[in-house]
């Protein structure tokens, strides 16, 4: 505003010089232009010397939770510099942006901390940056923009809803047949031996390693392997309408995976992106596995998932054995073992998970 007022004054001065014989008019106009150049020089010095740095205490955030980003502004010069900061954070998945503007008056040789508040509305990864730092002359007439390259990244975790899920006896006691075996525990899969140890009271004679026992002249027991497989497959896919991956979709997937883990039901989370050749699947047996899965899901772009995942999965993993297949599509429909699809958002996702009994 001050810039336009000053330009109006200069314009009026020029007009008066042209219209009237004003002896001092030339000197007045020259003084106005010299003063304007002086202001421009102050703004240029301010742009070159003012420094701005961002700092963030946390990189893991919750939806609709207030979080502060601190911006440190430093003026090493003797004269004051008014500064305007445009703060912005962008959701990496869909490009949505939130912007804030702040004005700060930096006195000579002063450092000042600016606190920028952000309240993320959606889950996913966010990019945080200062889009612009505009440095003005002392009177705030002219401003020069600098664009800091510094960026911070944070992850907004999806909300996990309590789910009314029941693990059926069929799924609970389903024999797991995995392609690999645990390296830290034994099991009951006789297809592969996990370890061999000396006989202890109570061991079954069917597990005796007879060849080794005969050679060592003492009884040795075979410990069988624990197969790393899953009884439930959780498929993510795009619906036939081409609906976008959204906030509710991510919340639904993570909520189901979390409750399966809570019920001690090992499961695969499976998807295929359109720009990738192979199917991606993560075996979720521990909290670390769930965290890895969440980080992958939060990387999804709006239109990244393939359709008809069940057919592709069966073709890729022909020998895979599981008790239950759960499908979630981007249209927020849930289907279990090919049964009728259930609309998860008709009455709200939280109410659906609370009121509908999901049996796997």
Protein backbone atom coordinates (compact mmCIF):
# COMPACT_ATOMS: atom_id res chain seq x y z
CA UNK A 1 0.00 0.00 0.00
CA UNK A 2 2.80 2.43 0.90
CA UNK A 3 4.46 1.73 -2.44
CA UNK A 4 1.35 2.75 -4.40
CA UNK A 5 0.88 5.88 -2.30
CA UNK A 6 4.48 6.93 -2.96
CA UNK A 7 4.15 6.21 -6.70
CA UNK A 8 0.99 8.33 -6.70
CA UNK A 9 2.93 11.22 -5.11
CA UNK A 10 5.66 10.91 -7.78
CA UNK A 11 3.02 10.82 -10.53
CA UNK A 12 1.34 13.95 -9.16
CA UNK A 13 4.73 15.70 -9.01
CA UNK A 14 5.42 14.85 -12.66
CA UNK A 15 1.93 16.04 -13.63
CA UNK A 16 2.38 19.37 -11.82
CA UNK A 17 5.77 19.86 -13.49
CA UNK A 18 4.21 19.35 -16.93
CA UNK A 19 1.12 21.44 -16.28
CA UNK A 20 2.63 24.45 -14.50
CA UNK A 21 5.84 26.42 -14.51
CA UNK A 22 7.02 25.14 -11.13
CA UNK A 23 10.60 26.25 -10.50
CA UNK A 24 11.20 23.89 -7.57
CA UNK A 25 9.31 21.05 -9.24
CA UNK A 26 12.40 19.49 -10.82
CA UNK A 27 14.27 19.47 -7.53
CA UNK A 28 11.28 17.94 -5.72
CA UNK A 29 10.95 15.21 -8.36
CA UNK A 30 14.69 14.47 -8.24
CA UNK A 31 14.56 14.21 -4.44
CA UNK A 32 11.61 11.82 -4.64
CA UNK A 33 13.42 9.59 -7.16
CA UNK A 34 16.69 9.64 -5.15
CA UNK A 35 14.76 8.73 -2.02
CA UNK A 36 13.06 5.88 -3.90
CA UNK A 37 16.46 4.57 -5.06
CA UNK A 38 17.72 4.84 -1.48
CA UNK A 39 14.73 2.73 -0.31
CA UNK A 40 15.42 0.21 -3.07
CA UNK A 41 19.07 -0.04 -1.98
CA UNK A 42 18.00 -0.68 1.65
CA UNK A 43 15.62 -3.43 0.48
CA UNK A 44 18.36 -5.05 -1.64
CA UNK A 45 20.80 -5.03 1.30
CA UNK A 46 18.07 -6.49 3.49
CA UNK A 47 17.42 -9.32 1.04
CA UNK A 48 21.13 -10.19 0.92
CA UNK A 49 21.85 -10.01 4.64
CA UNK A 50 18.66 -11.18 6.38
CA UNK A 51 18.80 -14.91 7.21
CA UNK A 52 15.85 -17.18 7.95
CA UNK A 53 15.95 -20.75 9.30
CA UNK A 54 13.19 -23.20 10.20
CA UNK A 55 13.08 -25.62 13.11
CA UNK A 56 10.52 -28.25 14.06
CA UNK A 57 10.44 -30.27 17.28
CA UNK A 58 8.45 -33.22 15.94
CA UNK A 59 8.22 -34.97 12.60
CA UNK A 60 5.41 -37.37 13.55
CA UNK A 61 2.09 -35.56 13.86
CA UNK A 62 -1.57 -36.36 14.45
CA UNK A 63 -4.49 -35.12 12.38
CA UNK A 64 -6.09 -31.86 13.58
CA UNK A 65 -3.37 -31.49 16.21
CA UNK A 66 -1.72 -28.10 16.51
CA UNK A 67 1.99 -28.08 15.76
CA UNK A 68 4.45 -25.19 15.89
CA UNK A 69 7.20 -24.52 13.35
CA UNK A 70 9.76 -21.99 14.56
CA UNK A 71 11.39 -19.59 12.11
CA UNK A 72 14.52 -17.77 13.27
CA UNK A 73 15.08 -14.40 11.61
CA UNK A 74 18.38 -12.56 11.97
CA UNK A 75 19.24 -8.99 10.98
CA UNK A 76 23.03 -8.34 11.18
CA UNK A 77 22.75 -4.77 9.82
CA UNK A 78 22.55 -1.51 11.80
CA UNK A 79 19.27 -0.28 10.28
CA UNK A 80 15.83 -1.90 10.83
CA UNK A 81 14.23 -4.16 8.21
CA UNK A 82 10.48 -4.94 8.05
CA UNK A 83 10.02 -8.54 6.87
CA UNK A 84 7.00 -10.43 5.56
CA UNK A 85 7.18 -14.25 5.66
CA UNK A 86 4.91 -16.50 3.63
CA UNK A 87 4.81 -19.89 5.36
CA UNK A 88 3.37 -22.88 3.50
CA UNK A 89 2.87 -26.59 4.03
CA UNK A 90 1.88 -28.94 1.23
CA UNK A 91 0.43 -32.45 1.26
CA UNK A 92 2.83 -34.44 -0.90
CA UNK A 93 0.24 -36.99 -2.11
CA UNK A 94 -2.29 -34.61 -3.70
CA UNK A 95 -0.52 -31.25 -3.71
CA UNK A 96 -3.04 -29.44 -1.46
CA UNK A 97 -1.52 -26.39 0.24
CA UNK A 98 -2.11 -24.32 3.33
CA UNK A 99 -0.55 -20.84 3.54
CA UNK A 100 0.07 -18.35 6.35
CA UNK A 101 1.51 -14.81 6.21
CA UNK A 102 3.40 -13.13 9.03
CA UNK A 103 4.86 -9.64 9.38
CA UNK A 104 7.89 -8.96 11.56
CA UNK A 105 9.79 -5.72 12.24
CA UNK A 106 13.46 -6.54 12.79
CA UNK A 107 15.42 -3.82 14.54
CA UNK A 108 19.11 -3.34 13.78
CA UNK A 109 21.32 -6.26 14.85
CA UNK A 110 18.35 -8.21 16.18
CA UNK A 111 17.36 -11.88 16.14
CA UNK A 112 13.72 -12.81 16.45
CA UNK A 113 11.87 -16.13 16.61
CA UNK A 114 8.60 -16.42 14.72
CA UNK A 115 6.21 -19.25 15.65
CA UNK A 116 4.05 -20.53 12.78
CA UNK A 117 1.12 -22.74 13.73
CA UNK A 118 -0.17 -25.48 11.49
CA UNK A 119 -3.08 -27.87 12.02
CA UNK A 120 -2.92 -30.73 9.47
CA UNK A 121 -6.36 -31.80 8.28
CA UNK A 122 -5.30 -34.94 6.42
CA UNK A 123 -2.91 -37.81 6.96
CA UNK A 124 0.14 -38.31 4.80
CA UNK A 125 3.51 -36.72 4.26
CA UNK A 126 3.73 -32.95 4.29
CA UNK A 127 6.40 -30.60 2.94
CA UNK A 128 7.01 -27.44 4.98
CA UNK A 129 8.80 -24.39 3.66
CA UNK A 130 9.03 -20.60 3.59
CA UNK A 131 7.68 -19.78 0.15
CA UNK A 132 8.72 -16.14 0.35
CA UNK A 133 10.65 -13.82 2.61
CA UNK A 134 10.04 -10.22 1.51
CA UNK A 135 12.55 -7.67 2.87
CA UNK A 136 11.47 -4.01 2.87
CA UNK A 137 13.23 -0.72 3.40
CA UNK A 138 12.89 0.88 6.84
CA UNK A 139 9.67 2.69 5.86
CA UNK A 140 8.15 -0.37 4.15
CA UNK A 141 7.80 1.27 0.72
CA UNK A 142 9.74 -1.17 -1.47
CA UNK A 143 10.24 -4.87 -0.93
CA UNK A 144 12.55 -7.47 -2.51
CA UNK A 145 11.64 -11.16 -2.37
CA UNK A 146 13.98 -14.01 -1.51
CA UNK A 147 12.94 -17.66 -1.75
CA UNK A 148 14.71 -19.90 0.79
CA UNK A 149 15.38 -23.42 -0.47
CA UNK A 150 15.18 -25.01 2.97
CA UNK A 151 12.40 -27.59 3.38
CA UNK A 152 11.22 -29.72 6.28
CA UNK A 153 9.20 -32.91 6.03
CA UNK A 154 6.78 -34.40 8.53
CA UNK A 155 4.36 -37.33 8.59
CA UNK A 156 0.75 -36.98 9.70
CA UNK A 157 -0.40 -40.33 11.03
CA UNK A 158 -3.86 -41.62 10.08
CA UNK A 159 -6.51 -41.90 12.75
CA UNK A 160 -6.93 -45.49 13.93
CA UNK A 161 -10.54 -46.38 14.75
CA UNK A 162 -11.60 -49.21 17.08
CA UNK A 163 -12.98 -52.03 14.91
CA UNK A 164 -15.61 -54.62 15.85
CA UNK A 165 -13.65 -57.51 14.33
CA UNK A 166 -13.92 -61.21 15.16
CA UNK A 167 -11.33 -63.77 14.09
CA UNK A 168 -13.18 -66.99 13.29
CA UNK A 169 -11.88 -70.37 14.48
CA UNK A 170 -11.23 -71.31 10.87
CA UNK A 171 -8.86 -68.36 10.45
CA UNK A 172 -7.40 -68.68 13.94
CA UNK A 173 -6.36 -72.30 13.50
CA UNK A 174 -5.69 -72.21 9.78
CA UNK A 175 -2.36 -73.94 8.98
CA UNK A 176 0.07 -71.32 7.72
CA UNK A 177 2.21 -72.28 4.74
CA UNK A 178 4.78 -69.58 4.18
CA UNK A 179 7.51 -69.20 1.58
CA UNK A 180 10.10 -68.38 4.24
CA UNK A 181 10.74 -69.23 7.88
CA UNK A 182 11.46 -67.28 11.04
CA UNK A 183 15.11 -67.03 12.05
CA UNK A 184 14.41 -66.35 15.72
CA UNK A 185 11.95 -69.05 16.71
CA UNK A 186 10.98 -72.64 16.11
CA UNK A 187 7.58 -73.98 15.07
CA UNK A 188 5.77 -77.09 13.94
CA UNK A 189 6.48 -77.10 10.20
CA UNK A 190 8.38 -80.32 9.56
CA UNK A 191 9.27 -79.23 6.02
CA UNK A 192 12.37 -77.50 7.36
CA UNK A 193 14.52 -77.91 10.48
CA UNK A 194 15.11 -74.81 12.57
CA UNK A 195 17.63 -76.23 15.06
CA UNK A 196 18.97 -79.42 16.65
CA UNK A 197 19.47 -79.71 20.42
CA UNK A 198 19.93 -82.34 23.10
CA UNK A 199 16.95 -84.29 24.39
CA UNK A 200 15.01 -82.79 27.32
CA UNK A 201 12.39 -84.52 29.46
CA UNK A 202 8.98 -84.21 27.82
CA UNK A 203 10.24 -84.12 24.23
CA UNK A 204 8.35 -86.33 21.78
CA UNK A 205 10.19 -89.29 20.34
CA UNK A 206 8.88 -88.43 16.85
CA UNK A 207 11.28 -85.47 16.85
CA UNK A 208 14.42 -87.51 17.57
CA UNK A 209 17.20 -87.00 15.03
CA UNK A 210 18.17 -90.68 14.80
CA UNK A 211 21.22 -90.40 12.56
CA UNK A 212 22.87 -87.70 14.67
CA UNK A 213 21.87 -89.46 17.92
CA UNK A 214 23.49 -92.71 16.73
CA UNK A 215 26.66 -90.91 15.71
CA UNK A 216 27.00 -88.90 18.94
CA UNK A 217 25.72 -91.73 21.20
CA UNK A 218 23.15 -89.41 22.83
CA UNK A 219 19.62 -88.33 21.95
CA UNK A 220 19.19 -85.20 19.82
CA UNK A 221 15.87 -83.49 19.03
CA UNK A 222 14.88 -81.71 15.82
CA UNK A 223 13.19 -78.32 16.25
CA UNK A 224 10.98 -77.64 13.26
CA UNK A 225 10.62 -74.24 11.60
CA UNK A 226 8.05 -71.51 12.09
CA UNK A 227 6.62 -70.55 8.66
CA UNK A 228 6.32 -66.85 7.93
CA UNK A 229 2.93 -66.78 6.27
CA UNK A 230 -0.45 -65.19 6.84
CA UNK A 231 -3.99 -66.40 7.30
CA UNK A 232 -5.55 -63.13 6.04
CA UNK A 233 -4.81 -61.15 2.89
CA UNK A 234 -5.82 -57.48 2.93
CA UNK A 235 -6.06 -56.22 -0.65
CA UNK A 236 -6.18 -52.55 -1.66
CA UNK A 237 -7.48 -51.63 -5.09
CA UNK A 238 -9.06 -48.86 -7.15
CA UNK A 239 -12.81 -49.14 -7.67
CA UNK A 240 -14.44 -49.31 -11.12
CA UNK A 241 -15.28 -45.59 -11.01
CA UNK A 242 -11.63 -44.65 -10.60
CA UNK A 243 -12.15 -43.02 -7.20
CA UNK A 244 -9.11 -41.38 -5.66
CA UNK A 245 -7.10 -42.59 -2.68
CA UNK A 246 -8.26 -40.34 0.14
CA UNK A 247 -7.90 -39.73 3.83
CA UNK A 248 -10.71 -42.13 4.81
CA UNK A 249 -9.28 -44.90 2.64
CA UNK A 250 -5.94 -44.72 4.45
CA UNK A 251 -7.66 -44.63 7.83
CA UNK A 252 -9.74 -47.70 6.97
CA UNK A 253 -6.74 -49.75 5.80
CA UNK A 254 -4.61 -48.86 8.81
CA UNK A 255 -7.50 -49.46 11.26
CA UNK A 256 -8.13 -52.96 9.87
CA UNK A 257 -4.46 -53.88 9.83
CA UNK A 258 -4.03 -52.59 13.40
CA UNK A 259 -6.96 -54.61 14.76
CA UNK A 260 -5.77 -57.77 12.99
CA UNK A 261 -2.37 -57.32 14.63
CA UNK A 262 -4.07 -56.71 17.98
CA UNK A 263 -5.96 -60.01 17.55
CA UNK A 264 -2.61 -61.74 16.82
CA UNK A 265 -3.69 -62.50 13.27
CA UNK A 266 -0.73 -62.37 10.88
CA UNK A 267 -1.77 -60.86 7.55
CA UNK A 268 -0.48 -59.58 4.25
CA UNK A 269 -1.26 -56.02 3.14
CA UNK A 270 -1.21 -56.07 -0.66
CA UNK A 271 -1.38 -53.50 -3.44
CA UNK A 272 -0.09 -52.74 -6.92
CA UNK A 273 0.67 -49.29 -8.29
CA UNK A 274 -0.08 -48.43 -11.89
CA UNK A 275 3.46 -47.27 -12.62
CA UNK A 276 5.09 -50.39 -11.13
CA UNK A 277 5.46 -53.84 -12.58
CA UNK A 278 5.13 -56.08 -9.53
CA UNK A 279 2.69 -56.54 -6.68
CA UNK A 280 3.81 -55.15 -3.32
CA UNK A 281 2.93 -56.99 -0.13
CA UNK A 282 3.99 -56.58 3.48
CA UNK A 283 3.67 -59.33 6.09
CA UNK A 284 2.35 -57.71 9.28
CA UNK A 285 3.22 -59.72 12.39
CA UNK A 286 4.72 -57.05 14.68
CA UNK A 287 4.27 -53.36 15.44
CA UNK A 288 7.40 -52.66 13.39
CA UNK A 289 5.74 -54.35 10.39
CA UNK A 290 2.60 -52.25 10.90
CA UNK A 291 4.67 -49.06 11.05
CA UNK A 292 6.43 -50.01 7.80
CA UNK A 293 3.05 -50.64 6.21
CA UNK A 294 1.67 -47.28 7.37
CA UNK A 295 4.67 -45.44 5.94
CA UNK A 296 4.14 -47.13 2.57
CA UNK A 297 0.40 -46.37 2.51
CA UNK A 298 1.01 -42.71 3.33
CA UNK A 299 3.14 -42.45 0.17
CA UNK A 300 0.14 -43.25 -2.06
CA UNK A 301 -0.81 -40.65 -4.66
CA UNK A 302 -4.54 -40.14 -5.43
CA UNK A 303 -4.75 -42.33 -8.55
CA UNK A 304 -1.90 -44.80 -8.01
CA UNK A 305 -3.72 -48.11 -7.36
CA UNK A 306 -4.62 -50.81 -9.86
CA UNK A 307 -8.05 -52.41 -10.26
CA UNK A 308 -8.95 -56.14 -10.10
CA UNK A 309 -6.26 -56.98 -7.59
CA UNK A 310 -7.67 -60.37 -6.56
CA UNK A 311 -7.14 -61.86 -10.01
CA UNK A 312 -3.61 -60.47 -10.24
CA UNK A 313 -2.76 -61.67 -6.73
CA UNK A 314 -3.97 -65.22 -7.37
CA UNK A 315 -1.98 -65.35 -10.60
CA UNK A 316 1.22 -64.03 -8.97
CA UNK A 317 0.99 -66.17 -5.82
CA UNK A 318 -0.50 -69.37 -7.20
CA UNK A 319 0.60 -71.49 -4.24
CA UNK A 320 -0.40 -69.02 -1.56
CA UNK A 321 -2.76 -70.50 1.04
CA UNK A 322 -4.87 -68.28 3.30
CA UNK A 323 -8.16 -68.43 5.17
CA UNK A 324 -9.66 -65.02 4.41
CA UNK A 325 -9.33 -62.39 1.72
CA UNK A 326 -10.39 -58.85 2.65
CA UNK A 327 -10.69 -56.24 -0.11
CA UNK A 328 -10.93 -52.48 0.32
CA UNK A 329 -11.43 -50.29 -2.73
CA UNK A 330 -11.04 -46.55 -3.14
CA UNK A 331 -14.82 -46.20 -3.29
CA UNK A 332 -14.77 -47.21 0.41
CA UNK A 333 -16.37 -50.62 -0.13
CA UNK A 334 -15.32 -53.59 2.04
CA UNK A 335 -15.63 -57.17 0.79
CA UNK A 336 -14.73 -60.38 2.62
CA UNK A 337 -14.21 -63.67 0.75
CA UNK A 338 -16.25 -62.52 -2.25
CA UNK A 339 -19.40 -61.79 -0.21
CA UNK A 340 -21.59 -58.72 -0.64
CA UNK A 341 -19.73 -55.43 -0.52
CA UNK A 342 -20.30 -53.20 2.49
CA UNK A 343 -20.36 -49.40 2.27
CA UNK A 344 -18.05 -48.11 4.99
CA UNK A 345 -18.88 -44.40 4.77
CA UNK A 346 -22.65 -44.28 4.33
CA UNK A 347 -23.11 -43.46 8.03
CA UNK A 348 -19.48 -42.52 8.70
CA UNK A 349 -16.39 -44.69 8.96
CA UNK A 350 -16.18 -44.59 12.76
CA UNK A 351 -19.82 -45.65 13.16
CA UNK A 352 -19.37 -48.44 10.59
CA UNK A 353 -16.41 -49.96 12.41
CA UNK A 354 -18.25 -49.63 15.73
CA UNK A 355 -21.62 -51.06 14.70
CA UNK A 356 -20.85 -53.65 12.00
CA UNK A 357 -19.44 -57.01 13.08
CA UNK A 358 -16.59 -57.92 10.73
CA UNK A 359 -15.75 -61.63 10.74
CA UNK A 360 -12.53 -62.81 9.10
